[in-house]
Amino acid sequence: MKEKSFELALDIVNLYKNLTTIEKEYIISKQILRCGTSVGANVRETLNGESAADFIHKLSISQKEADETLYWLELLKAAGFIDENQFANLSNKCNELLKILKSIILTVKEKNNE
């Protein structure tokens, strides 16, 4: 998860560079940069979690940021700023991370309830 979220962040940084230099798009690009890189930052913070509740909280934030990233990707595609291939690649990475995050969160919650 650490590597996958870092890879997503790097892809989002490169998308941001493209959007701002070639497309001259500055508003949505800033939004997707923030949430797309936040996923990995919050995953990293979980490694230093103080408790199971803290761990779940940070992963939940990552999950929300990944879902927000998907929203901005959908908007960028609909507005014609990214093509179908870019969208498919990035949305697949986001969806994969969402599934992993959701699974980990549910597993930790179940273990805490035992």
N, C-alpha and C. Protein backbone atom coordinates (compact mmCIF):
# COMPACT_ATOMS: atom_id res chain seq x y z
N MET A 1 0.83 -1.19 0.00
CA MET A 1 0.00 0.00 0.00
C MET A 1 0.87 1.26 0.00
N LYS A 2 1.96 1.20 0.74
CA LYS A 2 2.88 2.34 0.80
C LYS A 2 3.43 2.66 -0.59
N GLU A 3 3.85 1.62 -1.31
CA GLU A 3 4.42 1.82 -2.64
C GLU A 3 3.35 2.25 -3.64
N LYS A 4 2.18 1.64 -3.56
CA LYS A 4 1.09 1.97 -4.49
C LYS A 4 0.62 3.42 -4.30
N SER A 5 0.54 3.86 -3.07
CA SER A 5 0.10 5.24 -2.83
C SER A 5 1.17 6.24 -3.25
N PHE A 6 2.44 5.85 -3.11
CA PHE A 6 3.53 6.72 -3.58
C PHE A 6 3.51 6.82 -5.11
N GLU A 7 3.29 5.68 -5.76
CA GLU A 7 3.22 5.65 -7.22
C GLU A 7 2.06 6.52 -7.72
N LEU A 8 0.92 6.44 -7.06
CA LEU A 8 -0.21 7.28 -7.43
C LEU A 8 0.17 8.76 -7.27
N ALA A 9 0.79 9.09 -6.17
CA ALA A 9 1.19 10.48 -5.93
C ALA A 9 2.13 10.98 -7.01
N LEU A 10 3.07 10.16 -7.40
CA LEU A 10 4.01 10.54 -8.45
C LEU A 10 3.28 10.75 -9.78
N ASP A 11 2.35 9.87 -10.10
CA ASP A 11 1.56 10.03 -11.32
C ASP A 11 0.74 11.32 -11.27
N ILE A 12 0.21 11.64 -10.11
CA ILE A 12 -0.60 12.86 -9.96
C ILE A 12 0.29 14.10 -10.10
N VAL A 13 1.49 14.06 -9.55
CA VAL A 13 2.43 15.18 -9.71
C VAL A 13 2.73 15.40 -11.18
N ASN A 14 2.97 14.32 -11.91
CA ASN A 14 3.24 14.44 -13.35
C ASN A 14 2.02 14.95 -14.11
N LEU A 15 0.83 14.51 -13.71
CA LEU A 15 -0.39 15.02 -14.33
C LEU A 15 -0.51 16.51 -14.06
N TYR A 16 -0.24 16.92 -12.82
CA TYR A 16 -0.30 18.33 -12.45
C TYR A 16 0.64 19.16 -13.33
N LYS A 17 1.86 18.68 -13.51
CA LYS A 17 2.82 19.40 -14.36
C LYS A 17 2.28 19.57 -15.77
N ASN A 18 1.70 18.51 -16.30
CA ASN A 18 1.14 18.55 -17.64
C ASN A 18 -0.05 19.52 -17.71
N LEU A 19 -0.92 19.43 -16.73
CA LEU A 19 -2.10 20.30 -16.73
C LEU A 19 -1.74 21.77 -16.65
N THR A 20 -0.73 22.08 -15.86
CA THR A 20 -0.39 23.50 -15.68
C THR A 20 0.49 24.04 -16.80
N THR A 21 1.39 23.22 -17.34
CA THR A 21 2.29 23.74 -18.38
C THR A 21 1.70 23.65 -19.78
N ILE A 22 1.03 22.55 -20.09
CA ILE A 22 0.51 22.37 -21.44
C ILE A 22 -0.93 22.85 -21.56
N GLU A 23 -1.77 22.42 -20.64
CA GLU A 23 -3.20 22.75 -20.71
C GLU A 23 -3.53 24.11 -20.12
N LYS A 24 -2.61 24.67 -19.35
CA LYS A 24 -2.82 25.95 -18.66
C LYS A 24 -4.06 25.89 -17.75
N GLU A 25 -4.24 24.76 -17.10
CA GLU A 25 -5.35 24.56 -16.17
C GLU A 25 -4.78 24.61 -14.76
N TYR A 26 -5.28 25.54 -13.94
CA TYR A 26 -4.66 25.77 -12.64
C TYR A 26 -5.56 25.47 -11.44
N ILE A 27 -6.86 25.48 -11.61
CA ILE A 27 -7.75 25.31 -10.47
C ILE A 27 -7.94 23.82 -10.13
N ILE A 28 -8.45 23.05 -11.08
CA ILE A 28 -8.68 21.63 -10.84
C ILE A 28 -7.36 20.91 -10.60
N SER A 29 -6.34 21.33 -11.32
CA SER A 29 -5.03 20.68 -11.16
C SER A 29 -4.51 20.81 -9.73
N LYS A 30 -4.74 21.95 -9.11
CA LYS A 30 -4.31 22.15 -7.72
C LYS A 30 -5.11 21.26 -6.78
N GLN A 31 -6.39 21.10 -7.06
CA GLN A 31 -7.24 20.25 -6.23
C GLN A 31 -6.79 18.79 -6.29
N ILE A 32 -6.55 18.31 -7.52
CA ILE A 32 -6.15 16.90 -7.65
C ILE A 32 -4.74 16.67 -7.11
N LEU A 33 -3.90 17.67 -7.20
CA LEU A 33 -2.55 17.55 -6.62
C LEU A 33 -2.65 17.37 -5.11
N ARG A 34 -3.49 18.16 -4.48
CA ARG A 34 -3.62 18.08 -3.02
C ARG A 34 -4.15 16.73 -2.55
N CYS A 35 -5.26 16.31 -3.14
CA CYS A 35 -5.85 15.05 -2.64
C CYS A 35 -5.08 13.83 -3.13
N GLY A 36 -4.56 13.88 -4.36
CA GLY A 36 -3.83 12.73 -4.91
C GLY A 36 -2.53 12.44 -4.19
N THR A 37 -1.89 13.48 -3.68
CA THR A 37 -0.65 13.26 -2.92
C THR A 37 -0.94 13.03 -1.43
N SER A 38 -2.09 13.44 -0.98
CA SER A 38 -2.47 13.25 0.41
C SER A 38 -2.72 11.79 0.76
N VAL A 39 -3.15 11.01 -0.22
CA VAL A 39 -3.41 9.59 0.02
C VAL A 39 -2.16 8.94 0.62
N GLY A 40 -1.04 9.08 -0.07
CA GLY A 40 0.20 8.47 0.39
C GLY A 40 0.74 9.08 1.67
N ALA A 41 0.56 10.38 1.81
CA ALA A 41 1.03 11.04 3.04
C ALA A 41 0.31 10.49 4.26
N ASN A 42 -0.99 10.28 4.14
CA ASN A 42 -1.74 9.72 5.26
C ASN A 42 -1.43 8.25 5.48
N VAL A 43 -1.17 7.52 4.42
CA VAL A 43 -0.74 6.12 4.57
C VAL A 43 0.56 6.09 5.37
N ARG A 44 1.48 6.98 5.05
CA ARG A 44 2.75 7.05 5.79
C ARG A 44 2.52 7.36 7.26
N GLU A 45 1.57 8.24 7.53
CA GLU A 45 1.29 8.59 8.93
C GLU A 45 0.77 7.40 9.72
N THR A 46 0.10 6.47 9.05
CA THR A 46 -0.41 5.30 9.77
C THR A 46 0.73 4.47 10.35
N LEU A 47 1.89 4.54 9.72
CA LEU A 47 3.03 3.75 10.21
C LEU A 47 3.47 4.21 11.60
N ASN A 48 3.09 5.42 11.96
CA ASN A 48 3.44 5.95 13.29
C ASN A 48 2.19 6.13 14.15
N GLY A 49 1.16 5.39 13.83
CA GLY A 49 -0.09 5.50 14.58
C GLY A 49 0.10 5.18 16.05
N GLU A 50 -0.61 5.91 16.87
CA GLU A 50 -0.48 5.75 18.32
C GLU A 50 -1.41 4.68 18.87
N SER A 51 -2.43 4.35 18.09
CA SER A 51 -3.41 3.35 18.53
C SER A 51 -4.12 2.79 17.31
N ALA A 52 -4.92 1.76 17.54
CA ALA A 52 -5.71 1.21 16.43
C ALA A 52 -6.68 2.26 15.91
N ALA A 53 -7.25 3.04 16.81
CA ALA A 53 -8.20 4.09 16.39
C ALA A 53 -7.50 5.13 15.53
N ASP A 54 -6.29 5.50 15.90
CA ASP A 54 -5.50 6.45 15.12
C ASP A 54 -5.17 5.87 13.74
N PHE A 55 -4.80 4.60 13.73
CA PHE A 55 -4.49 3.89 12.49
C PHE A 55 -5.70 3.91 11.56
N ILE A 56 -6.85 3.56 12.09
CA ILE A 56 -8.09 3.56 11.30
C ILE A 56 -8.42 4.95 10.81
N HIS A 57 -8.27 5.93 11.67
CA HIS A 57 -8.57 7.32 11.31
C HIS A 57 -7.72 7.79 10.13
N LYS A 58 -6.43 7.54 10.18
CA LYS A 58 -5.54 7.96 9.08
C LYS A 58 -5.86 7.23 7.79
N LEU A 59 -6.14 5.94 7.89
CA LEU A 59 -6.50 5.18 6.69
C LEU A 59 -7.84 5.66 6.13
N SER A 60 -8.74 6.05 7.00
CA SER A 60 -10.04 6.58 6.55
C SER A 60 -9.86 7.89 5.81
N ILE A 61 -8.94 8.71 6.27
CA ILE A 61 -8.64 9.96 5.55
C ILE A 61 -8.06 9.63 4.18
N SER A 62 -7.15 8.65 4.12
CA SER A 62 -6.58 8.23 2.84
C SER A 62 -7.68 7.76 1.90
N GLN A 63 -8.62 7.02 2.44
CA GLN A 63 -9.73 6.50 1.64
C GLN A 63 -10.55 7.67 1.06
N LYS A 64 -10.85 8.64 1.88
CA LYS A 64 -11.61 9.81 1.41
C LYS A 64 -10.84 10.59 0.35
N GLU A 65 -9.54 10.73 0.54
CA GLU A 65 -8.72 11.47 -0.42
C GLU A 65 -8.62 10.72 -1.75
N ALA A 66 -8.56 9.40 -1.70
CA ALA A 66 -8.52 8.61 -2.93
C ALA A 66 -9.84 8.75 -3.69
N ASP A 67 -10.94 8.76 -2.96
CA ASP A 67 -12.25 8.93 -3.60
C ASP A 67 -12.38 10.33 -4.19
N GLU A 68 -11.86 11.34 -3.49
CA GLU A 68 -11.89 12.70 -4.03
C GLU A 68 -11.02 12.79 -5.29
N THR A 69 -9.90 12.11 -5.28
CA THR A 69 -9.03 12.08 -6.46
C THR A 69 -9.80 11.52 -7.66
N LEU A 70 -10.57 10.47 -7.43
CA LEU A 70 -11.40 9.91 -8.50
C LEU A 70 -12.38 10.94 -9.05
N TYR A 71 -12.97 11.71 -8.15
CA TYR A 71 -13.91 12.76 -8.59
C TYR A 71 -13.22 13.74 -9.54
N TRP A 72 -12.05 14.22 -9.15
CA TRP A 72 -11.35 15.20 -9.99
C TRP A 72 -10.91 14.58 -11.31
N LEU A 73 -10.52 13.31 -11.28
CA LEU A 73 -10.17 12.62 -12.52
C LEU A 73 -11.37 12.54 -13.46
N GLU A 74 -12.53 12.21 -12.90
CA GLU A 74 -13.75 12.15 -13.71
C GLU A 74 -14.06 13.52 -14.32
N LEU A 75 -13.89 14.57 -13.53
CA LEU A 75 -14.15 15.91 -14.02
C LEU A 75 -13.15 16.31 -15.11
N LEU A 76 -11.88 15.99 -14.90
CA LEU A 76 -10.87 16.30 -15.91
C LEU A 76 -11.14 15.57 -17.22
N LYS A 77 -11.59 14.34 -17.12
CA LYS A 77 -11.92 13.57 -18.33
C LYS A 77 -13.14 14.18 -19.02
N ALA A 78 -14.18 14.47 -18.26
CA ALA A 78 -15.41 15.02 -18.83
C ALA A 78 -15.16 16.39 -19.48
N ALA A 79 -14.22 17.15 -18.92
CA ALA A 79 -13.90 18.47 -19.45
C ALA A 79 -12.90 18.42 -20.59
N GLY A 80 -12.39 17.23 -20.89
CA GLY A 80 -11.47 17.08 -22.01
C GLY A 80 -10.01 17.39 -21.71
N PHE A 81 -9.65 17.45 -20.44
CA PHE A 81 -8.26 17.73 -20.08
C PHE A 81 -7.38 16.48 -20.09
N ILE A 82 -7.99 15.31 -19.87
CA ILE A 82 -7.25 14.06 -19.95
C ILE A 82 -8.01 13.11 -20.87
N ASP A 83 -7.28 12.20 -21.51
CA ASP A 83 -7.93 11.26 -22.42
C ASP A 83 -8.35 9.99 -21.67
N GLU A 84 -9.00 9.11 -22.38
CA GLU A 84 -9.52 7.88 -21.80
C GLU A 84 -8.42 7.01 -21.21
N ASN A 85 -7.26 6.94 -21.88
CA ASN A 85 -6.15 6.12 -21.37
C ASN A 85 -5.60 6.66 -20.06
N GLN A 86 -5.39 7.98 -19.99
CA GLN A 86 -4.91 8.58 -18.74
C GLN A 86 -5.91 8.34 -17.62
N PHE A 87 -7.17 8.56 -17.95
CA PHE A 87 -8.22 8.36 -16.95
C PHE A 87 -8.25 6.92 -16.46
N ALA A 88 -8.24 5.96 -17.38
CA ALA A 88 -8.30 4.55 -17.01
C ALA A 88 -7.13 4.16 -16.13
N ASN A 89 -5.93 4.59 -16.50
CA ASN A 89 -4.73 4.26 -15.73
C ASN A 89 -4.82 4.80 -14.31
N LEU A 90 -5.13 6.08 -14.18
CA LEU A 90 -5.16 6.69 -12.86
C LEU A 90 -6.36 6.25 -12.03
N SER A 91 -7.51 6.10 -12.67
CA SER A 91 -8.69 5.67 -11.90
C SER A 91 -8.53 4.22 -11.44
N ASN A 92 -7.88 3.38 -12.24
CA ASN A 92 -7.63 2.01 -11.81
C ASN A 92 -6.73 1.98 -10.58
N LYS A 93 -5.71 2.84 -10.57
CA LYS A 93 -4.82 2.90 -9.40
C LYS A 93 -5.58 3.39 -8.16
N CYS A 94 -6.43 4.39 -8.35
CA CYS A 94 -7.23 4.89 -7.22
C CYS A 94 -8.18 3.83 -6.70
N ASN A 95 -8.87 3.16 -7.61
CA ASN A 95 -9.82 2.12 -7.20
C ASN A 95 -9.13 0.97 -6.50
N GLU A 96 -7.95 0.60 -6.98
CA GLU A 96 -7.19 -0.46 -6.33
C GLU A 96 -6.82 -0.06 -4.90
N LEU A 97 -6.35 1.16 -4.74
CA LEU A 97 -6.02 1.66 -3.40
C LEU A 97 -7.26 1.71 -2.51
N LEU A 98 -8.38 2.16 -3.07
CA LEU A 98 -9.62 2.21 -2.29
C LEU A 98 -10.00 0.83 -1.76
N LYS A 99 -9.88 -0.18 -2.61
CA LYS A 99 -10.22 -1.54 -2.19
C LYS A 99 -9.28 -2.02 -1.08
N ILE A 100 -8.01 -1.75 -1.23
CA ILE A 100 -7.03 -2.16 -0.21
C ILE A 100 -7.30 -1.44 1.10
N LEU A 101 -7.51 -0.13 1.03
CA LEU A 101 -7.77 0.65 2.23
C LEU A 101 -9.03 0.17 2.94
N LYS A 102 -10.09 -0.03 2.18
CA LYS A 102 -11.35 -0.48 2.75
C LYS A 102 -11.18 -1.83 3.44
N SER A 103 -10.45 -2.72 2.80
CA SER A 103 -10.22 -4.05 3.36
C SER A 103 -9.44 -3.97 4.67
N ILE A 104 -8.39 -3.18 4.69
CA ILE A 104 -7.58 -3.04 5.90
C ILE A 104 -8.39 -2.42 7.02
N ILE A 105 -9.14 -1.39 6.71
CA ILE A 105 -9.96 -0.72 7.73
C ILE A 105 -10.95 -1.70 8.34
N LEU A 106 -11.64 -2.46 7.50
CA LEU A 106 -12.62 -3.44 8.00
C LEU A 106 -11.95 -4.52 8.85
N THR A 107 -10.80 -4.98 8.41
CA THR A 107 -10.08 -6.02 9.16
C THR A 107 -9.66 -5.51 10.54
N VAL A 108 -9.11 -4.31 10.59
CA VAL A 108 -8.67 -3.76 11.88
C VAL A 108 -9.87 -3.51 12.79
N LYS A 109 -10.97 -3.01 12.22
CA LYS A 109 -12.16 -2.78 13.04
C LYS A 109 -12.69 -4.10 13.61
N GLU A 110 -12.71 -5.15 12.79
CA GLU A 110 -13.18 -6.45 13.25
C GLU A 110 -12.29 -6.99 14.38
N LYS A 111 -10.98 -6.84 14.22
CA LYS A 111 -10.05 -7.32 15.25
C LYS A 111 -10.22 -6.55 16.55
N ASN A 112 -10.53 -5.26 16.44
CA ASN A 112 -10.73 -4.43 17.64
C ASN A 112 -12.01 -4.80 18.37
N ASN A 113 -12.99 -5.31 17.64
CA ASN A 113 -14.26 -5.68 18.25
C ASN A 113 -14.24 -7.06 18.89
N GLU A 114 -13.20 -7.82 18.66
CA GLU A 114 -13.10 -9.17 19.22
C GLU A 114 -12.76 -9.16 20.68
